[in-house]
Amino acid sequence: MHNMTQEEIQKEVQRLSETQEWNHCYELPGGIRTRATDINSPGYNLNKWKRLQVLTGDLTNKSVLDVGCSDGFFSVKCSNAGASHVLGIEIDPIRIERAKFASRVLKTKNVEFRVGDLYEIPDESRFDIVLALGMLHRVPDMDEMLRKMAKIGSTLVLEYKSYQGKGDCCWDGKKQTKLNSYNTLHRVPTDLYVQNRLREQGFRNFVVDQDSKSHLNFKRSICIAQK
């Protein structure tokens, strides 16, 4: 790919936002942003990355799987932080197209993006870190997703809407949708629910950080789990 001019980058950013607005805000060469406005939400990629940086530690020479990578921002950040290989998978093709475009423009190394499903990853695959950011509350079978990630990841980094109810339980999201069918709200777990399901899969060490400043109905939790 040739070095794109500022005008070419701007046109491509615009083209890739025709069907839906970019989910992730990138700052591309020439001061070009993929989003015109920022969002005051802990789920917004720029705000989320600030929290993740503090919690994830050193990524040097780590292999990373980014499940539901969306526009690829976190995969790119992990690669820039020294990961040896990052695979971002996402079932929405337009988001993978954006991720590939942004990573090319930014000349990001050691990152690969693929339209795909978590369950297509062979069980014998191994990743040092599996990211699932903004995903648990968006999948029909949360328990099966946690089991699958536990098979292939040594460390899980999970960011999700969390229910403030007591005990090992989930709030029924009643399949509310946002933006498109890929953003259906199925169940919102308590932090204890997530930890207990992972304990069943052999995880014993947990770091849980909950955003206490959120003005939304559900707090955003980050859970880092290790066996």
C-alpha atoms as a PDB file:
ATOM      1  CA  MET A   1       0.000   0.000   0.000  1.00  0.00           C
ATOM      2  CA  HIS A   2       1.369   3.412  -0.966  1.00  0.00           C
ATOM      3  CA  ASN A   3       1.593   6.219   1.553  1.00  0.00           C
ATOM      4  CA  MET A   4      -1.839   7.800   1.456  1.00  0.00           C
ATOM      5  CA  THR A   5      -2.240  11.536   1.212  1.00  0.00           C
ATOM      6  CA  GLN A   6      -4.194  13.413   3.846  1.00  0.00           C
ATOM      7  CA  GLU A   7      -7.053  13.819   1.400  1.00  0.00           C
ATOM      8  CA  GLU A   8      -7.111  10.087   0.631  1.00  0.00           C
ATOM      9  CA  ILE A   9      -7.131   9.200   4.329  1.00  0.00           C
ATOM     10  CA  GLN A  10      -9.988  11.612   5.022  1.00  0.00           C
ATOM     11  CA  LYS A  11     -12.045  10.223   2.131  1.00  0.00           C
ATOM     12  CA  GLU A  12     -11.549   6.662   3.298  1.00  0.00           C
ATOM     13  CA  VAL A  13     -12.461   7.535   6.894  1.00  0.00           C
ATOM     14  CA  GLN A  14     -15.655   9.101   5.569  1.00  0.00           C
ATOM     15  CA  ARG A  15     -16.449   6.168   3.285  1.00  0.00           C
ATOM     16  CA  LEU A  16     -16.070   3.724   6.143  1.00  0.00           C
ATOM     17  CA  SER A  17     -18.576   5.699   8.211  1.00  0.00           C
ATOM     18  CA  GLU A  18     -21.354   5.714   5.606  1.00  0.00           C
ATOM     19  CA  THR A  19     -23.276   2.729   6.953  1.00  0.00           C
ATOM     20  CA  GLN A  20     -22.565   3.447  10.637  1.00  0.00           C
ATOM     21  CA  GLU A  21     -20.384   5.799  12.639  1.00  0.00           C
ATOM     22  CA  TRP A  22     -16.944   4.585  13.650  1.00  0.00           C
ATOM     23  CA  ASN A  23     -17.082   2.934  17.057  1.00  0.00           C
ATOM     24  CA  HIS A  24     -13.454   3.694  17.909  1.00  0.00           C
ATOM     25  CA  CYS A  25     -11.769   7.059  17.754  1.00  0.00           C
ATOM     26  CA  TYR A  26      -8.351   6.944  16.095  1.00  0.00           C
ATOM     27  CA  GLU A  27      -6.039   9.874  15.618  1.00  0.00           C
ATOM     28  CA  LEU A  28      -4.531   9.354  12.170  1.00  0.00           C
ATOM     29  CA  PRO A  29      -1.726  11.264  10.429  1.00  0.00           C
ATOM     30  CA  GLY A  30      -2.477  14.890   9.693  1.00  0.00           C
ATOM     31  CA  GLY A  31      -4.682  15.234  12.773  1.00  0.00           C
ATOM     32  CA  ILE A  32      -7.504  13.252  11.136  1.00  0.00           C
ATOM     33  CA  ARG A  33      -9.894  11.671  13.630  1.00  0.00           C
ATOM     34  CA  THR A  34     -12.254   8.834  12.846  1.00  0.00           C
ATOM     35  CA  ARG A  35     -14.873  10.362  15.131  1.00  0.00           C
ATOM     36  CA  ALA A  36     -15.808  14.042  15.188  1.00  0.00           C
ATOM     37  CA  THR A  37     -16.888  14.009  18.830  1.00  0.00           C
ATOM     38  CA  ASP A  38     -15.837  12.099  21.923  1.00  0.00           C
ATOM     39  CA  ILE A  39     -18.228  10.298  24.253  1.00  0.00           C
ATOM     40  CA  ASN A  40     -18.338  10.842  28.005  1.00  0.00           C
ATOM     41  CA  SER A  41     -18.572   7.171  28.846  1.00  0.00           C
ATOM     42  CA  PRO A  42     -16.249   4.607  30.467  1.00  0.00           C
ATOM     43  CA  GLY A  43     -17.089   2.299  27.550  1.00  0.00           C
ATOM     44  CA  TYR A  44     -15.586   4.745  25.020  1.00  0.00           C
ATOM     45  CA  ASN A  45     -12.305   3.448  23.624  1.00  0.00           C
ATOM     46  CA  LEU A  46     -10.088   6.377  24.684  1.00  0.00           C
ATOM     47  CA  ASN A  47     -11.413   6.267  28.253  1.00  0.00           C
ATOM     48  CA  LYS A  48     -11.274   2.480  28.389  1.00  0.00           C
ATOM     49  CA  TRP A  49      -7.660   2.334  27.250  1.00  0.00           C
ATOM     50  CA  LYS A  50      -6.577   4.671  30.059  1.00  0.00           C
ATOM     51  CA  ARG A  51      -7.948   2.191  32.583  1.00  0.00           C
ATOM     52  CA  LEU A  52      -6.585  -0.857  30.789  1.00  0.00           C
ATOM     53  CA  GLN A  53      -3.055   0.545  30.567  1.00  0.00           C
ATOM     54  CA  VAL A  54      -2.852   0.715  34.343  1.00  0.00           C
ATOM     55  CA  LEU A  55      -4.134  -2.819  34.853  1.00  0.00           C
ATOM     56  CA  THR A  56      -2.732  -4.982  32.056  1.00  0.00           C
ATOM     57  CA  GLY A  57       0.968  -4.560  32.831  1.00  0.00           C
ATOM     58  CA  ASP A  58       3.825  -5.344  30.471  1.00  0.00           C
ATOM     59  CA  LEU A  59       2.725  -6.732  27.083  1.00  0.00           C
ATOM     60  CA  THR A  60       6.242  -7.202  25.700  1.00  0.00           C
ATOM     61  CA  ASN A  61       6.483 -10.396  23.606  1.00  0.00           C
ATOM     62  CA  LYS A  62       2.967 -11.494  24.595  1.00  0.00           C
ATOM     63  CA  SER A  63       0.536 -13.104  22.157  1.00  0.00           C
ATOM     64  CA  VAL A  64      -2.892 -11.477  22.295  1.00  0.00           C
ATOM     65  CA  LEU A  65      -6.327 -12.442  21.036  1.00  0.00           C
ATOM     66  CA  ASP A  66      -8.793  -9.532  20.878  1.00  0.00           C
ATOM     67  CA  VAL A  67     -12.291 -11.028  20.768  1.00  0.00           C
ATOM     68  CA  GLY A  68     -14.909  -8.749  19.245  1.00  0.00           C
ATOM     69  CA  CYS A  69     -12.178  -6.281  18.332  1.00  0.00           C
ATOM     70  CA  SER A  70     -14.587  -3.828  16.657  1.00  0.00           C
ATOM     71  CA  ASP A  71     -12.582  -1.149  14.782  1.00  0.00           C
ATOM     72  CA  GLY A  72      -9.329  -2.607  16.106  1.00  0.00           C
ATOM     73  CA  PHE A  73      -8.159   0.187  18.407  1.00  0.00           C
ATOM     74  CA  PHE A  74      -7.177  -2.061  21.322  1.00  0.00           C
ATOM     75  CA  SER A  75      -5.400  -4.554  19.069  1.00  0.00           C
ATOM     76  CA  VAL A  76      -3.320  -1.718  17.632  1.00  0.00           C
ATOM     77  CA  LYS A  77      -2.555  -0.404  21.125  1.00  0.00           C
ATOM     78  CA  CYS A  78      -1.436  -3.846  22.304  1.00  0.00           C
ATOM     79  CA  SER A  79       0.859  -4.189  19.314  1.00  0.00           C
ATOM     80  CA  ASN A  80       2.319  -0.747  19.967  1.00  0.00           C
ATOM     81  CA  ALA A  81       2.860  -1.778  23.608  1.00  0.00           C
ATOM     82  CA  GLY A  82       5.194  -4.577  22.517  1.00  0.00           C
ATOM     83  CA  ALA A  83       2.973  -7.622  21.929  1.00  0.00           C
ATOM     84  CA  SER A  84       4.665 -10.139  19.634  1.00  0.00           C
ATOM     85  CA  HIS A  85       1.466 -10.992  17.786  1.00  0.00           C
ATOM     86  CA  VAL A  86      -2.092  -9.705  18.036  1.00  0.00           C
ATOM     87  CA  LEU A  87      -5.093 -11.323  16.369  1.00  0.00           C
ATOM     88  CA  GLY A  88      -8.288  -9.278  16.309  1.00  0.00           C
ATOM     89  CA  ILE A  89     -11.498 -11.092  15.393  1.00  0.00           C
ATOM     90  CA  GLU A  90     -14.906  -9.547  14.822  1.00  0.00           C
ATOM     91  CA  ILE A  91     -18.105 -10.771  13.150  1.00  0.00           C
ATOM     92  CA  ASP A  92     -19.033  -7.364  11.679  1.00  0.00           C
ATOM     93  CA  PRO A  93     -17.155  -7.048   8.344  1.00  0.00           C
ATOM     94  CA  ILE A  94     -17.251  -3.229   8.191  1.00  0.00           C
ATOM     95  CA  ARG A  95     -15.429  -3.022  11.500  1.00  0.00           C
ATOM     96  CA  ILE A  96     -12.695  -5.367  10.314  1.00  0.00           C
ATOM     97  CA  GLU A  97     -12.338  -3.259   7.174  1.00  0.00           C
ATOM     98  CA  ARG A  98     -11.859  -0.190   9.386  1.00  0.00           C
ATOM     99  CA  ALA A  99      -9.364  -1.993  11.616  1.00  0.00           C
ATOM    100  CA  LYS A 100      -7.262  -3.075   8.637  1.00  0.00           C
ATOM    101  CA  PHE A 101      -7.342   0.422   7.178  1.00  0.00           C
ATOM    102  CA  ALA A 102      -6.340   2.127  10.436  1.00  0.00           C
ATOM    103  CA  SER A 103      -3.532  -0.340  11.136  1.00  0.00           C
ATOM    104  CA  ARG A 104      -2.136   0.153   7.615  1.00  0.00           C
ATOM    105  CA  VAL A 105      -2.244   3.942   7.880  1.00  0.00           C
ATOM    106  CA  LEU A 106      -0.574   3.789  11.298  1.00  0.00           C
ATOM    107  CA  LYS A 107       1.935   1.200   9.997  1.00  0.00           C
ATOM    108  CA  THR A 108       1.212  -1.103  12.914  1.00  0.00           C
ATOM    109  CA  LYS A 109       3.290  -4.274  13.020  1.00  0.00           C
ATOM    110  CA  ASN A 110       2.471  -7.723  14.408  1.00  0.00           C
ATOM    111  CA  VAL A 111      -1.298  -7.276  14.159  1.00  0.00           C
ATOM    112  CA  GLU A 112      -3.767  -9.303  12.113  1.00  0.00           C
ATOM    113  CA  PHE A 113      -7.499  -8.751  11.683  1.00  0.00           C
ATOM    114  CA  ARG A 114      -9.990 -11.368  10.629  1.00  0.00           C
ATOM    115  CA  VAL A 115     -13.754 -11.589  10.203  1.00  0.00           C
ATOM    116  CA  GLY A 116     -14.514 -14.473  12.479  1.00  0.00           C
ATOM    117  CA  ASP A 117     -16.078 -15.993  15.542  1.00  0.00           C
ATOM    118  CA  LEU A 118     -14.419 -16.967  18.821  1.00  0.00           C
ATOM    119  CA  TYR A 119     -15.624 -20.538  18.402  1.00  0.00           C
ATOM    120  CA  GLU A 120     -13.697 -20.886  15.131  1.00  0.00           C
ATOM    121  CA  ILE A 121     -10.444 -20.653  17.110  1.00  0.00           C
ATOM    122  CA  PRO A 122      -9.196 -24.228  17.724  1.00  0.00           C
ATOM    123  CA  ASP A 123      -9.306 -25.382  21.344  1.00  0.00           C
ATOM    124  CA  GLU A 124      -5.602 -26.242  21.220  1.00  0.00           C
ATOM    125  CA  SER A 125      -4.675 -22.626  20.393  1.00  0.00           C
ATOM    126  CA  ARG A 126      -2.832 -20.749  23.127  1.00  0.00           C
ATOM    127  CA  PHE A 127      -2.640 -17.010  23.777  1.00  0.00           C
ATOM    128  CA  ASP A 128      -0.871 -15.288  26.632  1.00  0.00           C
ATOM    129  CA  ILE A 129      -3.729 -12.801  26.868  1.00  0.00           C
ATOM    130  CA  VAL A 130      -7.324 -12.920  25.653  1.00  0.00           C
ATOM    131  CA  LEU A 131      -9.158  -9.598  25.578  1.00  0.00           C
ATOM    132  CA  ALA A 132     -12.951  -9.424  25.563  1.00  0.00           C
ATOM    133  CA  LEU A 133     -13.866  -5.762  25.902  1.00  0.00           C
ATOM    134  CA  GLY A 134     -17.524  -4.763  25.978  1.00  0.00           C
ATOM    135  CA  MET A 135     -18.460  -8.321  25.036  1.00  0.00           C
ATOM    136  CA  LEU A 136     -19.880 -10.406  27.893  1.00  0.00           C
ATOM    137  CA  HIS A 137     -23.185  -8.556  28.067  1.00  0.00           C
ATOM    138  CA  ARG A 138     -23.541  -8.732  24.257  1.00  0.00           C
ATOM    139  CA  VAL A 139     -23.371 -12.501  23.716  1.00  0.00           C
ATOM    140  CA  PRO A 140     -26.311 -14.936  23.969  1.00  0.00           C
ATOM    141  CA  ASP A 141     -24.336 -17.522  25.974  1.00  0.00           C
ATOM    142  CA  MET A 142     -21.947 -15.795  28.351  1.00  0.00           C
ATOM    143  CA  ASP A 143     -21.015 -19.002  30.163  1.00  0.00           C
ATOM    144  CA  GLU A 144     -19.955 -20.765  26.967  1.00  0.00           C
ATOM    145  CA  MET A 145     -17.890 -17.749  25.940  1.00  0.00           C
ATOM    146  CA  LEU A 146     -16.066 -17.772  29.277  1.00  0.00           C
ATOM    147  CA  ARG A 147     -15.420 -21.520  28.975  1.00  0.00           C
ATOM    148  CA  LYS A 148     -14.005 -21.114  25.468  1.00  0.00           C
ATOM    149  CA  MET A 149     -11.705 -18.235  26.431  1.00  0.00           C
ATOM    150  CA  ALA A 150     -10.520 -20.189  29.479  1.00  0.00           C
ATOM    151  CA  LYS A 151      -9.355 -23.019  27.183  1.00  0.00           C
ATOM    152  CA  ILE A 152      -7.154 -20.828  25.008  1.00  0.00           C
ATOM    153  CA  GLY A 153      -5.983 -17.982  27.268  1.00  0.00           C
ATOM    154  CA  SER A 154      -3.540 -17.900  30.179  1.00  0.00           C
ATOM    155  CA  THR A 155      -4.755 -14.445  31.229  1.00  0.00           C
ATOM    156  CA  LEU A 156      -8.228 -13.083  30.488  1.00  0.00           C
ATOM    157  CA  VAL A 157      -8.873  -9.342  30.387  1.00  0.00           C
ATOM    158  CA  LEU A 158     -12.614  -8.768  30.498  1.00  0.00           C
ATOM    159  CA  GLU A 159     -14.406  -5.422  30.397  1.00  0.00           C
ATOM    160  CA  TYR A 160     -18.181  -5.456  30.680  1.00  0.00           C
ATOM    161  CA  LYS A 161     -21.306  -3.814  32.006  1.00  0.00           C
ATOM    162  CA  SER A 162     -21.784  -5.049  35.548  1.00  0.00           C
ATOM    163  CA  TYR A 163     -24.971  -5.483  37.546  1.00  0.00           C
ATOM    164  CA  GLN A 164     -24.958  -4.088  41.077  1.00  0.00           C
ATOM    165  CA  GLY A 165     -27.250  -6.772  42.474  1.00  0.00           C
ATOM    166  CA  LYS A 166     -25.975  -9.004  45.247  1.00  0.00           C
ATOM    167  CA  GLY A 167     -24.635 -12.458  44.745  1.00  0.00           C
ATOM    168  CA  ASP A 168     -23.947 -14.758  41.812  1.00  0.00           C
ATOM    169  CA  CYS A 169     -26.535 -13.558  39.298  1.00  0.00           C
ATOM    170  CA  CYS A 170     -27.267 -11.641  36.096  1.00  0.00           C
ATOM    171  CA  TRP A 171     -29.743  -8.946  35.091  1.00  0.00           C
ATOM    172  CA  ASP A 172     -31.923  -9.859  32.096  1.00  0.00           C
ATOM    173  CA  GLY A 173     -31.176  -7.434  29.260  1.00  0.00           C
ATOM    174  CA  LYS A 174     -34.369  -8.450  27.415  1.00  0.00           C
ATOM    175  CA  LYS A 175     -32.452  -8.361  24.117  1.00  0.00           C
ATOM    176  CA  GLN A 176     -32.398  -4.592  23.834  1.00  0.00           C
ATOM    177  CA  THR A 177     -30.465  -3.494  20.745  1.00  0.00           C
ATOM    178  CA  LYS A 178     -28.111  -0.571  20.071  1.00  0.00           C
ATOM    179  CA  LEU A 179     -26.871   0.418  16.584  1.00  0.00           C
ATOM    180  CA  ASN A 180     -27.432  -3.023  15.040  1.00  0.00           C
ATOM    181  CA  SER A 181     -28.115  -6.689  15.777  1.00  0.00           C
ATOM    182  CA  TYR A 182     -24.502  -7.234  16.856  1.00  0.00           C
ATOM    183  CA  ASN A 183     -25.137  -4.956  19.851  1.00  0.00           C
ATOM    184  CA  THR A 184     -27.948  -6.804  21.586  1.00  0.00           C
ATOM    185  CA  LEU A 185     -27.990  -6.626  25.388  1.00  0.00           C
ATOM    186  CA  HIS A 186     -28.517 -10.177  26.666  1.00  0.00           C
ATOM    187  CA  ARG A 187     -27.424 -10.465  30.315  1.00  0.00           C
ATOM    188  CA  VAL A 188     -25.528  -8.149  32.644  1.00  0.00           C
ATOM    189  CA  PRO A 189     -23.523 -10.096  35.259  1.00  0.00           C
ATOM    190  CA  THR A 190     -22.410  -9.211  38.744  1.00  0.00           C
ATOM    191  CA  ASP A 191     -18.646  -9.283  39.231  1.00  0.00           C
ATOM    192  CA  LEU A 192     -19.118 -12.300  41.489  1.00  0.00           C
ATOM    193  CA  TYR A 193     -20.922 -14.146  38.704  1.00  0.00           C
ATOM    194  CA  VAL A 194     -17.984 -13.652  36.322  1.00  0.00           C
ATOM    195  CA  GLN A 195     -15.417 -14.682  38.928  1.00  0.00           C
ATOM    196  CA  ASN A 196     -17.338 -17.791  39.965  1.00  0.00           C
ATOM    197  CA  ARG A 197     -17.678 -18.988  36.363  1.00  0.00           C
ATOM    198  CA  LEU A 198     -13.941 -18.518  35.875  1.00  0.00           C
ATOM    199  CA  ARG A 199     -13.131 -20.284  39.154  1.00  0.00           C
ATOM    200  CA  GLU A 200     -14.991 -23.269  37.702  1.00  0.00           C
ATOM    201  CA  GLN A 201     -12.484 -23.145  34.821  1.00  0.00           C
ATOM    202  CA  GLY A 202      -9.429 -23.112  37.095  1.00  0.00           C
ATOM    203  CA  PHE A 203      -8.758 -19.395  37.468  1.00  0.00           C
ATOM    204  CA  ARG A 204      -7.675 -18.367  40.952  1.00  0.00           C
ATOM    205  CA  ASN A 205      -6.161 -14.880  40.759  1.00  0.00           C
ATOM    206  CA  PHE A 206      -8.383 -11.889  40.068  1.00  0.00           C
ATOM    207  CA  VAL A 207      -7.983  -8.145  39.823  1.00  0.00           C
ATOM    208  CA  VAL A 208     -11.307  -6.340  39.525  1.00  0.00           C
ATOM    209  CA  ASP A 209     -11.645  -2.628  38.871  1.00  0.00           C
ATOM    210  CA  GLN A 210     -15.064  -0.986  38.708  1.00  0.00           C
ATOM    211  CA  ASP A 211     -15.599   2.485  37.315  1.00  0.00           C
ATOM    212  CA  SER A 212     -17.284   4.328  40.180  1.00  0.00           C
ATOM    213  CA  LYS A 213     -17.728   7.577  38.224  1.00  0.00           C
ATOM    214  CA  SER A 214     -20.066   6.210  35.587  1.00  0.00           C
ATOM    215  CA  HIS A 215     -23.352   8.060  35.141  1.00  0.00           C
ATOM    216  CA  LEU A 216     -24.851   5.122  33.234  1.00  0.00           C
ATOM    217  CA  ASN A 217     -27.325   2.539  34.523  1.00  0.00           C
ATOM    218  CA  PHE A 218     -24.565  -0.068  34.731  1.00  0.00           C
ATOM    219  CA  LYS A 219     -21.004   0.373  35.956  1.00  0.00           C
ATOM    220  CA  ARG A 220     -18.186  -0.823  33.688  1.00  0.00           C
ATOM    221  CA  SER A 221     -15.998  -3.445  35.344  1.00  0.00           C
ATOM    222  CA  ILE A 222     -12.605  -4.729  34.286  1.00  0.00           C
ATOM    223  CA  CYS A 223     -11.709  -8.218  35.498  1.00  0.00           C
ATOM    224  CA  ILE A 224      -8.237  -9.645  34.946  1.00  0.00           C
ATOM    225  CA  ALA A 225      -8.112 -13.372  35.677  1.00  0.00           C
ATOM    226  CA  GLN A 226      -5.100 -15.707  35.827  1.00  0.00           C
ATOM    227  CA  LYS A 227      -4.795 -19.410  36.557  1.00  0.00           C
END
